[in-house]
Amino acid sequence: MAGDDDELLTIGEVAKLDGITAKALRYYDAHNILKPAAVDPATGYRLPTTDYRYYTPIKCLTSM
């Protein structure tokens, strides 16, 4: 889980900011590659952290 200081955004917001598709983030979650920081219990929405250290390696690998 994310620390209290991490900002949580929706998958769509992270996708727009970082150039990773929402579909890819859902795939990574389903295959235990990159889990969301939290999941909203009421909606089931995945809430990734905005800590970009997690996305940079994935972006590098997918651009190969």
PDB file of N, CA and C in Angstrom:
ATOM      1  N   MET A   1       0.836  -1.188   0.000  1.00  0.00           N
ATOM      2  CA  MET A   1       0.000   0.000   0.000  1.00  0.00           C
ATOM      3  C   MET A   1       0.873   1.241   0.000  1.00  0.00           C
ATOM      4  N   ALA A   2       0.334   2.283  -0.466  1.00  0.00           N
ATOM      5  CA  ALA A   2       1.060   3.550  -0.522  1.00  0.00           C
ATOM      6  C   ALA A   2       1.124   4.170   0.852  1.00  0.00           C
ATOM      7  N   GLY A   3       2.147   4.967   1.052  1.00  0.00           N
ATOM      8  CA  GLY A   3       2.253   5.706   2.299  1.00  0.00           C
ATOM      9  C   GLY A   3       1.237   6.828   2.334  1.00  0.00           C
ATOM     10  N   ASP A   4       1.038   7.399   3.490  1.00  0.00           N
ATOM     11  CA  ASP A   4       0.043   8.457   3.643  1.00  0.00           C
ATOM     12  C   ASP A   4       0.355   9.686   2.808  1.00  0.00           C
ATOM     13  N   ASP A   5       1.636   9.898   2.466  1.00  0.00           N
ATOM     14  CA  ASP A   5       2.021  11.099   1.732  1.00  0.00           C
ATOM     15  C   ASP A   5       1.871  10.937   0.229  1.00  0.00           C
ATOM     16  N   ASP A   6       1.659   9.712  -0.260  1.00  0.00           N
ATOM     17  CA  ASP A   6       1.532   9.492  -1.695  1.00  0.00           C
ATOM     18  C   ASP A   6       0.154   9.928  -2.168  1.00  0.00           C
ATOM     19  N   GLU A   7       0.121  10.631  -3.286  1.00  0.00           N
ATOM     20  CA  GLU A   7      -1.136  11.043  -3.877  1.00  0.00           C
ATOM     21  C   GLU A   7      -1.668   9.876  -4.711  1.00  0.00           C
ATOM     22  N   LEU A   8      -2.951   9.588  -4.599  1.00  0.00           N
ATOM     23  CA  LEU A   8      -3.557   8.518  -5.368  1.00  0.00           C
ATOM     24  C   LEU A   8      -4.406   9.101  -6.481  1.00  0.00           C
ATOM     25  N   LEU A   9      -4.242   8.560  -7.670  1.00  0.00           N
ATOM     26  CA  LEU A   9      -5.009   8.975  -8.832  1.00  0.00           C
ATOM     27  C   LEU A   9      -5.708   7.748  -9.409  1.00  0.00           C
ATOM     28  N   THR A  10      -6.675   7.967 -10.262  1.00  0.00           N
ATOM     29  CA  THR A  10      -7.302   6.841 -10.948  1.00  0.00           C
ATOM     30  C   THR A  10      -6.342   6.319 -12.015  1.00  0.00           C
ATOM     31  N   ILE A  11      -6.637   5.128 -12.507  1.00  0.00           N
ATOM     32  CA  ILE A  11      -5.806   4.556 -13.568  1.00  0.00           C
ATOM     33  C   ILE A  11      -5.784   5.481 -14.783  1.00  0.00           C
ATOM     34  N   GLY A  12      -6.935   6.013 -15.145  1.00  0.00           N
ATOM     35  CA  GLY A  12      -7.012   6.906 -16.295  1.00  0.00           C
ATOM     36  C   GLY A  12      -6.162   8.146 -16.138  1.00  0.00           C
ATOM     37  N   GLU A  13      -6.140   8.696 -14.936  1.00  0.00           N
ATOM     38  CA  GLU A  13      -5.326   9.889 -14.681  1.00  0.00           C
ATOM     39  C   GLU A  13      -3.840   9.570 -14.796  1.00  0.00           C
ATOM     40  N   VAL A  14      -3.431   8.435 -14.240  1.00  0.00           N
ATOM     41  CA  VAL A  14      -2.027   8.038 -14.330  1.00  0.00           C
ATOM     42  C   VAL A  14      -1.660   7.764 -15.786  1.00  0.00           C
ATOM     43  N   ALA A  15      -2.559   7.107 -16.512  1.00  0.00           N
ATOM     44  CA  ALA A  15      -2.293   6.805 -17.918  1.00  0.00           C
ATOM     45  C   ALA A  15      -2.062   8.084 -18.717  1.00  0.00           C
ATOM     46  N   LYS A  16      -2.895   9.087 -18.489  1.00  0.00           N
ATOM     47  CA  LYS A  16      -2.737  10.360 -19.204  1.00  0.00           C
ATOM     48  C   LYS A  16      -1.435  11.056 -18.837  1.00  0.00           C
ATOM     49  N   LEU A  17      -1.081  11.011 -17.578  1.00  0.00           N
ATOM     50  CA  LEU A  17       0.123  11.704 -17.116  1.00  0.00           C
ATOM     51  C   LEU A  17       1.395  11.013 -17.568  1.00  0.00           C
ATOM     52  N   ASP A  18       1.376   9.679 -17.607  1.00  0.00           N
ATOM     53  CA  ASP A  18       2.630   8.956 -17.804  1.00  0.00           C
ATOM     54  C   ASP A  18       2.727   8.190 -19.116  1.00  0.00           C
ATOM     55  N   GLY A  19       1.685   8.231 -19.933  1.00  0.00           N
ATOM     56  CA  GLY A  19       1.773   7.570 -21.225  1.00  0.00           C
ATOM     57  C   GLY A  19       1.659   6.059 -21.174  1.00  0.00           C
ATOM     58  N   ILE A  20       1.157   5.513 -20.089  1.00  0.00           N
ATOM     59  CA  ILE A  20       0.878   4.091 -19.979  1.00  0.00           C
ATOM     60  C   ILE A  20      -0.633   3.950 -20.086  1.00  0.00           C
ATOM     61  N   THR A  21      -1.115   3.031 -20.900  1.00  0.00           N
ATOM     62  CA  THR A  21      -2.556   2.914 -21.057  1.00  0.00           C
ATOM     63  C   THR A  21      -3.208   2.321 -19.816  1.00  0.00           C
ATOM     64  N   ALA A  22      -4.466   2.681 -19.615  1.00  0.00           N
ATOM     65  CA  ALA A  22      -5.230   2.121 -18.504  1.00  0.00           C
ATOM     66  C   ALA A  22      -5.339   0.604 -18.671  1.00  0.00           C
ATOM     67  N   LYS A  23      -5.495   0.160 -19.906  1.00  0.00           N
ATOM     68  CA  LYS A  23      -5.575  -1.280 -20.177  1.00  0.00           C
ATOM     69  C   LYS A  23      -4.292  -1.982 -19.730  1.00  0.00           C
ATOM     70  N   ALA A  24      -3.146  -1.369 -19.996  1.00  0.00           N
ATOM     71  CA  ALA A  24      -1.868  -1.954 -19.585  1.00  0.00           C
ATOM     72  C   ALA A  24      -1.774  -2.015 -18.064  1.00  0.00           C
ATOM     73  N   LEU A  25      -2.195  -0.959 -17.384  1.00  0.00           N
ATOM     74  CA  LEU A  25      -2.147  -0.966 -15.920  1.00  0.00           C
ATOM     75  C   LEU A  25      -3.045  -2.054 -15.341  1.00  0.00           C
ATOM     76  N   ARG A  26      -4.202  -2.270 -15.948  1.00  0.00           N
ATOM     77  CA  ARG A  26      -5.095  -3.352 -15.498  1.00  0.00           C
ATOM     78  C   ARG A  26      -4.447  -4.721 -15.743  1.00  0.00           C
ATOM     79  N   TYR A  27      -3.794  -4.860 -16.887  1.00  0.00           N
ATOM     80  CA  TYR A  27      -3.089  -6.107 -17.207  1.00  0.00           C
ATOM     81  C   TYR A  27      -1.986  -6.373 -16.188  1.00  0.00           C
ATOM     82  N   TYR A  28      -1.187  -5.358 -15.899  1.00  0.00           N
ATOM     83  CA  TYR A  28      -0.093  -5.512 -14.932  1.00  0.00           C
ATOM     84  C   TYR A  28      -0.633  -5.894 -13.556  1.00  0.00           C
ATOM     85  N   ASP A  29      -1.762  -5.337 -13.172  1.00  0.00           N
ATOM     86  CA  ASP A  29      -2.383  -5.694 -11.901  1.00  0.00           C
ATOM     87  C   ASP A  29      -2.837  -7.150 -11.930  1.00  0.00           C
ATOM     88  N   ALA A  30      -3.519  -7.562 -12.990  1.00  0.00           N
ATOM     89  CA  ALA A  30      -4.043  -8.927 -13.095  1.00  0.00           C
ATOM     90  C   ALA A  30      -2.940  -9.977 -13.071  1.00  0.00           C
ATOM     91  N   HIS A  31      -1.758  -9.613 -13.567  1.00  0.00           N
ATOM     92  CA  HIS A  31      -0.635 -10.552 -13.632  1.00  0.00           C
ATOM     93  C   HIS A  31       0.415 -10.302 -12.543  1.00  0.00           C
ATOM     94  N   ASN A  32       0.035  -9.530 -11.534  1.00  0.00           N
ATOM     95  CA  ASN A  32       0.907  -9.252 -10.378  1.00  0.00           C
ATOM     96  C   ASN A  32       2.249  -8.639 -10.762  1.00  0.00           C
ATOM     97  N   ILE A  33       2.243  -7.843 -11.817  1.00  0.00           N
ATOM     98  CA  ILE A  33       3.458  -7.156 -12.235  1.00  0.00           C
ATOM     99  C   ILE A  33       3.576  -5.817 -11.520  1.00  0.00           C
ATOM    100  N   LEU A  34       2.468  -5.116 -11.453  1.00  0.00           N
ATOM    101  CA  LEU A  34       2.426  -3.800 -10.807  1.00  0.00           C
ATOM    102  C   LEU A  34       1.061  -3.649 -10.157  1.00  0.00           C
ATOM    103  N   LYS A  35       1.027  -3.757  -8.843  1.00  0.00           N
ATOM    104  CA  LYS A  35      -0.229  -3.682  -8.113  1.00  0.00           C
ATOM    105  C   LYS A  35      -0.546  -2.222  -7.784  1.00  0.00           C
ATOM    106  N   PRO A  36      -1.835  -1.879  -7.741  1.00  0.00           N
ATOM    107  CA  PRO A  36      -2.211  -0.515  -7.366  1.00  0.00           C
ATOM    108  C   PRO A  36      -1.886  -0.255  -5.898  1.00  0.00           C
ATOM    109  N   ALA A  37      -1.742   1.014  -5.557  1.00  0.00           N
ATOM    110  CA  ALA A  37      -1.447   1.382  -4.170  1.00  0.00           C
ATOM    111  C   ALA A  37      -2.639   1.077  -3.277  1.00  0.00           C
ATOM    112  N   ALA A  38      -3.842   1.200  -3.845  1.00  0.00           N
ATOM    113  CA  ALA A  38      -5.059   0.940  -3.090  1.00  0.00           C
ATOM    114  C   ALA A  38      -6.171   0.584  -4.062  1.00  0.00           C
ATOM    115  N   VAL A  39      -7.210  -0.034  -3.518  1.00  0.00           N
ATOM    116  CA  VAL A  39      -8.413  -0.307  -4.293  1.00  0.00           C
ATOM    117  C   VAL A  39      -9.584   0.232  -3.480  1.00  0.00           C
ATOM    118  N   ASP A  40     -10.385   1.070  -4.104  1.00  0.00           N
ATOM    119  CA  ASP A  40     -11.545   1.644  -3.424  1.00  0.00           C
ATOM    120  C   ASP A  40     -12.542   0.521  -3.153  1.00  0.00           C
ATOM    121  N   PRO A  41     -12.843   0.246  -1.873  1.00  0.00           N
ATOM    122  CA  PRO A  41     -13.729  -0.875  -1.557  1.00  0.00           C
ATOM    123  C   PRO A  41     -15.167  -0.669  -2.060  1.00  0.00           C
ATOM    124  N   ALA A  42     -15.583   0.559  -2.198  1.00  0.00           N
ATOM    125  CA  ALA A  42     -16.955   0.832  -2.639  1.00  0.00           C
ATOM    126  C   ALA A  42     -17.124   0.644  -4.151  1.00  0.00           C
ATOM    127  N   THR A  43     -16.100   1.026  -4.920  1.00  0.00           N
ATOM    128  CA  THR A  43     -16.226   1.001  -6.380  1.00  0.00           C
ATOM    129  C   THR A  43     -15.375  -0.068  -7.051  1.00  0.00           C
ATOM    130  N   GLY A  44     -14.345  -0.546  -6.349  1.00  0.00           N
ATOM    131  CA  GLY A  44     -13.405  -1.487  -6.958  1.00  0.00           C
ATOM    132  C   GLY A  44     -12.371  -0.808  -7.831  1.00  0.00           C
ATOM    133  N   TYR A  45     -12.402   0.536  -7.885  1.00  0.00           N
ATOM    134  CA  TYR A  45     -11.431   1.268  -8.694  1.00  0.00           C
ATOM    135  C   TYR A  45     -10.031   1.051  -8.145  1.00  0.00           C
ATOM    136  N   ARG A  46      -9.095   0.801  -9.057  1.00  0.00           N
ATOM    137  CA  ARG A  46      -7.687   0.699  -8.680  1.00  0.00           C
ATOM    138  C   ARG A  46      -7.139   2.117  -8.581  1.00  0.00           C
ATOM    139  N   LEU A  47      -6.359   2.364  -7.544  1.00  0.00           N
ATOM    140  CA  LEU A  47      -5.800   3.698  -7.325  1.00  0.00           C
ATOM    141  C   LEU A  47      -4.283   3.602  -7.270  1.00  0.00           C
ATOM    142  N   PRO A  48      -3.633   3.769  -8.427  1.00  0.00           N
ATOM    143  CA  PRO A  48      -2.172   3.706  -8.452  1.00  0.00           C
ATOM    144  C   PRO A  48      -1.555   4.899  -7.735  1.00  0.00           C
ATOM    145  N   THR A  49      -0.364   4.709  -7.244  1.00  0.00           N
ATOM    146  CA  THR A  49       0.385   5.811  -6.650  1.00  0.00           C
ATOM    147  C   THR A  49       0.945   6.688  -7.764  1.00  0.00           C
ATOM    148  N   THR A  50       1.256   7.926  -7.457  1.00  0.00           N
ATOM    149  CA  THR A  50       1.901   8.797  -8.443  1.00  0.00           C
ATOM    150  C   THR A  50       3.417   8.721  -8.335  1.00  0.00           C
ATOM    151  N   ASP A  51       3.921   7.760  -7.581  1.00  0.00           N
ATOM    152  CA  ASP A  51       5.362   7.573  -7.455  1.00  0.00           C
ATOM    153  C   ASP A  51       5.878   6.961  -8.758  1.00  0.00           C
ATOM    154  N   TYR A  52       6.465   7.780  -9.600  1.00  0.00           N
ATOM    155  CA  TYR A  52       6.838   7.367 -10.947  1.00  0.00           C
ATOM    156  C   TYR A  52       8.006   6.386 -11.009  1.00  0.00           C
ATOM    157  N   ARG A  53       8.651   6.091  -9.891  1.00  0.00           N
ATOM    158  CA  ARG A  53       9.724   5.084  -9.899  1.00  0.00           C
ATOM    159  C   ARG A  53       9.194   3.743 -10.386  1.00  0.00           C
ATOM    160  N   TYR A  54       7.913   3.485 -10.163  1.00  0.00           N
ATOM    161  CA  TYR A  54       7.331   2.202 -10.538  1.00  0.00           C
ATOM    162  C   TYR A  54       7.042   2.111 -12.028  1.00  0.00           C
ATOM    163  N   TYR A  55       6.784   3.212 -12.684  1.00  0.00           N
ATOM    164  CA  TYR A  55       6.380   3.192 -14.076  1.00  0.00           C
ATOM    165  C   TYR A  55       7.544   3.272 -15.048  1.00  0.00           C
ATOM    166  N   THR A  56       8.639   3.899 -14.652  1.00  0.00           N
ATOM    167  CA  THR A  56       9.776   4.097 -15.546  1.00  0.00           C
ATOM    168  C   THR A  56      10.332   2.788 -16.099  1.00  0.00           C
ATOM    169  N   PRO A  57      10.582   1.761 -15.267  1.00  0.00           N
ATOM    170  CA  PRO A  57      11.104   0.502 -15.840  1.00  0.00           C
ATOM    171  C   PRO A  57      10.126  -0.137 -16.816  1.00  0.00           C
ATOM    172  N   ILE A  58       8.851  -0.061 -16.536  1.00  0.00           N
ATOM    173  CA  ILE A  58       7.852  -0.642 -17.432  1.00  0.00           C
ATOM    174  C   ILE A  58       7.849   0.095 -18.758  1.00  0.00           C
ATOM    175  N   LYS A  59       7.897   1.419 -18.711  1.00  0.00           N
ATOM    176  CA  LYS A  59       7.927   2.196 -19.957  1.00  0.00           C
ATOM    177  C   LYS A  59       9.165   1.852 -20.766  1.00  0.00           C
ATOM    178  N   CYS A  60      10.298   1.679 -20.107  1.00  0.00           N
ATOM    179  CA  CYS A  60      11.540   1.336 -20.808  1.00  0.00           C
ATOM    180  C   CYS A  60      11.422  -0.038 -21.476  1.00  0.00           C
ATOM    181  N   LEU A  61      10.877  -1.010 -20.767  1.00  0.00           N
ATOM    182  CA  LEU A  61      10.764  -2.362 -21.312  1.00  0.00           C
ATOM    183  C   LEU A  61       9.752  -2.428 -22.455  1.00  0.00           C
ATOM    184  N   THR A  62       8.665  -1.706 -22.351  1.00  0.00           N
ATOM    185  CA  THR A  62       7.649  -1.778 -23.385  1.00  0.00           C
ATOM    186  C   THR A  62       8.058  -1.005 -24.641  1.00  0.00           C
ATOM    187  N   SER A  63       9.041  -0.132 -24.533  1.00  0.00           N
ATOM    188  CA  SER A  63       9.489   0.622 -25.710  1.00  0.00           C
ATOM    189  C   SER A  63      10.552  -0.124 -26.501  1.00  0.00           C
ATOM    190  N   MET A  64      10.986  -1.254 -26.004  1.00  0.00           N
ATOM    191  CA  MET A  64      12.038  -2.040 -26.705  1.00  0.00           C
ATOM    192  C   MET A  64      11.472  -2.747 -27.900  1.00  0.00           C
TER     193      MET A  64
END
